[in-house]
N, C-alpha and C. Protein backbone atom coordinates (compact mmCIF):
# COMPACT_ATOMS: atom_id res chain seq x y z
N UNK A 1 51.67 0.32 16.43
CA UNK A 1 51.88 0.51 15.02
C UNK A 1 50.67 -0.02 14.26
N UNK A 2 50.23 0.78 13.29
CA UNK A 2 49.05 0.41 12.52
C UNK A 2 49.38 -0.72 11.55
N UNK A 3 48.41 -1.57 11.36
CA UNK A 3 48.56 -2.69 10.43
C UNK A 3 48.37 -2.16 9.00
N UNK A 4 49.39 -2.22 8.14
CA UNK A 4 49.24 -1.70 6.78
C UNK A 4 48.27 -2.51 5.92
N UNK A 5 48.00 -3.74 6.32
CA UNK A 5 47.11 -4.60 5.56
C UNK A 5 45.65 -4.47 6.03
N UNK A 6 45.40 -3.64 7.06
CA UNK A 6 44.06 -3.53 7.65
C UNK A 6 43.00 -3.07 6.65
N UNK A 7 43.24 -2.05 5.83
CA UNK A 7 42.18 -1.65 4.89
C UNK A 7 41.79 -2.77 3.92
N UNK A 8 42.78 -3.53 3.45
CA UNK A 8 42.48 -4.64 2.56
C UNK A 8 41.67 -5.72 3.27
N UNK A 9 42.05 -6.01 4.51
CA UNK A 9 41.35 -7.02 5.29
C UNK A 9 39.91 -6.57 5.58
N UNK A 10 39.73 -5.30 5.94
CA UNK A 10 38.39 -4.77 6.21
C UNK A 10 37.50 -4.87 4.96
N UNK A 11 38.08 -4.49 3.82
CA UNK A 11 37.33 -4.55 2.57
C UNK A 11 36.97 -5.99 2.22
N UNK A 12 37.89 -6.91 2.40
CA UNK A 12 37.65 -8.32 2.10
C UNK A 12 36.53 -8.87 2.98
N UNK A 13 36.55 -8.52 4.27
CA UNK A 13 35.49 -8.98 5.17
C UNK A 13 34.14 -8.37 4.80
N UNK A 14 34.14 -7.07 4.50
CA UNK A 14 32.89 -6.40 4.13
C UNK A 14 32.33 -6.97 2.83
N UNK A 15 33.21 -7.27 1.89
CA UNK A 15 32.77 -7.84 0.61
C UNK A 15 32.18 -9.23 0.81
N UNK A 16 32.82 -10.04 1.65
CA UNK A 16 32.31 -11.38 1.93
C UNK A 16 30.94 -11.30 2.62
N UNK A 17 30.81 -10.42 3.59
CA UNK A 17 29.55 -10.29 4.31
C UNK A 17 28.44 -9.79 3.39
N UNK A 18 28.76 -8.85 2.52
CA UNK A 18 27.77 -8.34 1.57
C UNK A 18 27.34 -9.44 0.60
N UNK A 19 28.27 -10.26 0.16
CA UNK A 19 27.96 -11.36 -0.75
C UNK A 19 27.02 -12.37 -0.08
N UNK A 20 27.28 -12.68 1.16
CA UNK A 20 26.42 -13.61 1.90
C UNK A 20 25.01 -13.04 2.01
N UNK A 21 24.89 -11.77 2.35
CA UNK A 21 23.58 -11.13 2.49
C UNK A 21 22.84 -11.13 1.15
N UNK A 22 23.51 -10.80 0.07
CA UNK A 22 22.87 -10.77 -1.25
C UNK A 22 22.41 -12.17 -1.66
N UNK A 23 23.22 -13.18 -1.39
CA UNK A 23 22.84 -14.56 -1.74
C UNK A 23 21.62 -15.00 -0.94
N UNK A 24 21.60 -14.74 0.35
CA UNK A 24 20.45 -15.12 1.17
C UNK A 24 19.20 -14.37 0.73
N UNK A 25 19.36 -13.07 0.43
CA UNK A 25 18.24 -12.26 -0.05
C UNK A 25 17.69 -12.84 -1.36
N UNK A 26 18.59 -13.17 -2.29
CA UNK A 26 18.17 -13.70 -3.59
C UNK A 26 17.46 -15.06 -3.43
N UNK A 27 17.98 -15.91 -2.56
CA UNK A 27 17.33 -17.20 -2.32
C UNK A 27 15.93 -17.02 -1.74
N UNK A 28 15.79 -16.10 -0.79
CA UNK A 28 14.48 -15.84 -0.20
C UNK A 28 13.52 -15.26 -1.24
N UNK A 29 14.02 -14.39 -2.11
CA UNK A 29 13.19 -13.82 -3.16
C UNK A 29 12.72 -14.88 -4.13
N UNK A 30 13.64 -15.71 -4.60
CA UNK A 30 13.28 -16.76 -5.55
C UNK A 30 12.29 -17.73 -4.92
N UNK A 31 12.53 -18.11 -3.67
CA UNK A 31 11.61 -19.03 -3.00
C UNK A 31 10.23 -18.40 -2.86
N UNK A 32 10.16 -17.16 -2.36
CA UNK A 32 8.87 -16.52 -2.12
C UNK A 32 8.09 -16.33 -3.42
N UNK A 33 8.74 -15.76 -4.41
CA UNK A 33 8.05 -15.53 -5.68
C UNK A 33 7.66 -16.85 -6.36
N UNK A 34 8.58 -17.79 -6.38
CA UNK A 34 8.30 -19.07 -7.02
C UNK A 34 7.19 -19.83 -6.33
N UNK A 35 7.28 -19.94 -5.02
CA UNK A 35 6.28 -20.71 -4.28
C UNK A 35 4.91 -20.06 -4.37
N UNK A 36 4.87 -18.74 -4.16
CA UNK A 36 3.58 -18.05 -4.21
C UNK A 36 2.99 -18.06 -5.62
N UNK A 37 3.83 -17.99 -6.64
CA UNK A 37 3.34 -18.05 -8.01
C UNK A 37 2.75 -19.42 -8.32
N UNK A 38 3.44 -20.46 -7.89
CA UNK A 38 2.98 -21.82 -8.20
C UNK A 38 1.80 -22.26 -7.33
N UNK A 39 1.75 -21.82 -6.08
CA UNK A 39 0.74 -22.33 -5.15
C UNK A 39 -0.36 -21.34 -4.80
N UNK A 40 -0.16 -20.06 -5.12
CA UNK A 40 -1.09 -19.04 -4.64
C UNK A 40 -2.40 -18.99 -5.38
N UNK A 41 -2.36 -19.18 -6.68
CA UNK A 41 -3.60 -19.12 -7.46
C UNK A 41 -4.15 -20.52 -7.68
N UNK A 42 -5.35 -20.71 -7.21
CA UNK A 42 -6.02 -21.99 -7.39
C UNK A 42 -7.39 -21.72 -8.00
N UNK A 43 -7.60 -22.17 -9.22
CA UNK A 43 -8.91 -21.94 -9.85
C UNK A 43 -10.05 -22.56 -9.05
N UNK A 44 -11.20 -21.92 -9.12
CA UNK A 44 -12.36 -22.38 -8.34
C UNK A 44 -12.83 -23.75 -8.78
N UNK A 45 -12.63 -24.09 -10.06
CA UNK A 45 -13.10 -25.40 -10.54
C UNK A 45 -12.08 -26.51 -10.32
N UNK A 46 -10.98 -26.20 -9.65
CA UNK A 46 -9.96 -27.21 -9.34
C UNK A 46 -10.49 -28.11 -8.23
N UNK A 47 -10.49 -29.44 -8.45
CA UNK A 47 -11.02 -30.33 -7.41
C UNK A 47 -10.20 -30.30 -6.12
N UNK A 48 -8.93 -29.97 -6.18
CA UNK A 48 -8.11 -29.90 -4.97
C UNK A 48 -8.01 -28.50 -4.42
N UNK A 49 -9.07 -27.70 -4.59
CA UNK A 49 -9.03 -26.30 -4.19
C UNK A 49 -9.52 -26.09 -2.76
N UNK A 50 -9.12 -26.94 -1.87
CA UNK A 50 -9.50 -26.76 -0.48
C UNK A 50 -8.46 -25.87 0.21
N UNK A 51 -8.96 -24.93 0.99
CA UNK A 51 -8.08 -23.98 1.68
C UNK A 51 -7.59 -24.61 2.97
N UNK A 52 -6.29 -24.75 3.08
CA UNK A 52 -5.69 -25.31 4.28
C UNK A 52 -5.04 -24.19 5.06
N UNK A 53 -5.38 -24.08 6.33
CA UNK A 53 -4.82 -23.02 7.18
C UNK A 53 -3.72 -23.59 8.07
N UNK A 54 -2.64 -22.82 8.20
CA UNK A 54 -1.55 -23.14 9.12
C UNK A 54 -1.32 -21.91 9.97
N UNK A 55 -1.57 -22.03 11.26
CA UNK A 55 -1.47 -20.92 12.21
C UNK A 55 -2.32 -19.73 11.77
N UNK A 56 -3.44 -20.00 11.14
CA UNK A 56 -4.36 -18.95 10.70
C UNK A 56 -4.05 -18.37 9.34
N UNK A 57 -2.99 -18.80 8.69
CA UNK A 57 -2.62 -18.33 7.36
C UNK A 57 -2.95 -19.42 6.34
N UNK A 58 -3.35 -19.00 5.13
CA UNK A 58 -3.44 -20.00 4.07
C UNK A 58 -2.08 -20.66 3.88
N UNK A 59 -2.09 -21.94 3.52
CA UNK A 59 -0.82 -22.67 3.45
C UNK A 59 0.20 -22.04 2.52
N UNK A 60 -0.24 -21.47 1.39
CA UNK A 60 0.71 -20.89 0.45
C UNK A 60 1.34 -19.61 1.00
N UNK A 61 0.61 -18.87 1.84
CA UNK A 61 1.19 -17.68 2.48
C UNK A 61 2.16 -18.11 3.57
N UNK A 62 1.80 -19.14 4.32
CA UNK A 62 2.68 -19.61 5.39
C UNK A 62 4.01 -20.09 4.83
N UNK A 63 3.97 -20.96 3.81
CA UNK A 63 5.21 -21.51 3.26
C UNK A 63 5.91 -20.54 2.30
N UNK A 64 5.18 -19.68 1.64
CA UNK A 64 5.78 -18.78 0.66
C UNK A 64 6.26 -17.46 1.23
N UNK A 65 5.65 -17.01 2.34
CA UNK A 65 6.02 -15.70 2.90
C UNK A 65 6.51 -15.82 4.35
N UNK A 66 5.70 -16.45 5.21
CA UNK A 66 6.05 -16.50 6.63
C UNK A 66 7.30 -17.34 6.91
N UNK A 67 7.39 -18.50 6.29
CA UNK A 67 8.54 -19.37 6.52
C UNK A 67 9.86 -18.71 6.11
N UNK A 68 9.96 -18.13 4.89
CA UNK A 68 11.22 -17.46 4.55
C UNK A 68 11.48 -16.23 5.42
N UNK A 69 10.42 -15.53 5.82
CA UNK A 69 10.59 -14.35 6.67
C UNK A 69 11.19 -14.74 8.03
N UNK A 70 10.65 -15.78 8.63
CA UNK A 70 11.18 -16.25 9.92
C UNK A 70 12.60 -16.80 9.74
N UNK A 71 12.83 -17.56 8.67
CA UNK A 71 14.17 -18.11 8.42
C UNK A 71 15.19 -16.99 8.22
N UNK A 72 14.82 -15.96 7.46
CA UNK A 72 15.74 -14.84 7.24
C UNK A 72 15.99 -14.06 8.53
N UNK A 73 14.97 -13.92 9.37
CA UNK A 73 15.15 -13.24 10.65
C UNK A 73 16.11 -14.01 11.55
N UNK A 74 15.94 -15.33 11.62
CA UNK A 74 16.84 -16.16 12.42
C UNK A 74 18.26 -16.12 11.85
N UNK A 75 18.38 -16.17 10.51
CA UNK A 75 19.69 -16.08 9.89
C UNK A 75 20.36 -14.74 10.19
N UNK A 76 19.58 -13.66 10.16
CA UNK A 76 20.12 -12.33 10.44
C UNK A 76 20.68 -12.26 11.86
N UNK A 77 19.96 -12.81 12.81
CA UNK A 77 20.43 -12.82 14.20
C UNK A 77 21.71 -13.64 14.30
N UNK A 78 21.71 -14.84 13.72
CA UNK A 78 22.90 -15.69 13.76
C UNK A 78 24.09 -15.02 13.07
N UNK A 79 23.86 -14.47 11.88
CA UNK A 79 24.94 -13.87 11.11
C UNK A 79 25.50 -12.64 11.82
N UNK A 80 24.63 -11.86 12.43
CA UNK A 80 25.10 -10.69 13.17
C UNK A 80 25.92 -11.06 14.40
N UNK A 81 25.57 -12.17 15.04
CA UNK A 81 26.30 -12.57 16.24
C UNK A 81 27.56 -13.38 15.94
N UNK A 82 27.50 -14.26 14.94
CA UNK A 82 28.61 -15.19 14.73
C UNK A 82 29.26 -15.13 13.35
N UNK A 83 28.58 -14.64 12.35
CA UNK A 83 29.11 -14.68 10.99
C UNK A 83 29.90 -13.47 10.56
N UNK A 84 29.66 -12.35 11.20
CA UNK A 84 30.35 -11.12 10.80
C UNK A 84 31.64 -10.95 11.58
N UNK A 85 32.62 -10.35 10.92
CA UNK A 85 33.91 -10.11 11.56
C UNK A 85 33.84 -8.82 12.38
N UNK A 86 34.45 -8.86 13.54
CA UNK A 86 34.53 -7.68 14.39
C UNK A 86 35.95 -7.11 14.25
N UNK A 87 36.13 -6.29 13.22
CA UNK A 87 37.45 -5.76 12.91
C UNK A 87 37.69 -4.42 13.61
N UNK A 88 38.94 -4.21 13.97
CA UNK A 88 39.35 -2.94 14.55
C UNK A 88 39.41 -1.90 13.43
N UNK A 89 38.71 -0.79 13.61
CA UNK A 89 38.68 0.25 12.59
C UNK A 89 39.74 1.32 12.81
N UNK A 90 40.56 1.14 13.81
CA UNK A 90 41.61 2.11 14.08
C UNK A 90 41.19 3.10 15.16
N UNK A 91 42.12 3.97 15.49
CA UNK A 91 41.87 4.96 16.54
C UNK A 91 40.97 6.07 16.00
N UNK A 92 40.11 6.59 16.86
CA UNK A 92 39.24 7.70 16.47
C UNK A 92 40.04 8.99 16.50
N UNK A 93 39.73 9.85 15.55
CA UNK A 93 40.36 11.16 15.54
C UNK A 93 39.68 12.02 16.59
N UNK A 94 40.41 12.97 17.12
CA UNK A 94 39.86 13.89 18.11
C UNK A 94 38.81 14.76 17.42
N UNK A 95 37.60 14.72 17.93
CA UNK A 95 36.52 15.46 17.32
C UNK A 95 36.10 16.65 18.18
N UNK A 96 37.03 17.23 18.90
CA UNK A 96 36.71 18.37 19.75
C UNK A 96 36.25 19.53 18.89
N UNK A 97 35.19 20.19 19.34
CA UNK A 97 34.68 21.33 18.59
C UNK A 97 33.56 20.94 17.64
N UNK A 98 33.30 19.66 17.49
CA UNK A 98 32.24 19.18 16.61
C UNK A 98 31.12 18.57 17.46
N UNK A 99 29.96 18.53 16.92
CA UNK A 99 28.85 17.89 17.61
C UNK A 99 27.99 18.90 18.34
N UNK A 100 27.10 18.39 19.17
CA UNK A 100 26.12 19.23 19.86
C UNK A 100 26.58 19.49 21.28
N UNK A 101 26.08 20.57 21.84
CA UNK A 101 26.32 20.86 23.24
C UNK A 101 27.61 21.62 23.50
N UNK A 102 28.26 22.17 22.50
CA UNK A 102 29.47 22.93 22.73
C UNK A 102 29.17 24.39 22.74
C-alpha cells in the first residue's frame, strides 16, 4: 500500500536540501567576493604590497577562490553521501513501447 504522506515528505526533504545548498552557495559567494574585494587590490605605493604565494597562487586567490572552492567540493561530496535523503519515489510505470531500440 502506498504511503499517502509520501509526496509531502518528498517535498519537505527536497525543500530542506535545496535550502542547504542555497545557504552554502550564498556563504561561498559572500566569502569569495568579500575576501577578493578587500584583499585583491593592493596599490603599488602600499608598503605592505609584497606578493605572497601559497601553492603557486597569490594569497588572496588562494584564500578567496581556491579555499572556498575546495571546501564546497568537500561539502558537496559529504552532503551527497550523508546529508541527502534517499526516499522511495514509488513504483515505475510500465514504459513498454517507449524509448530506443523498439
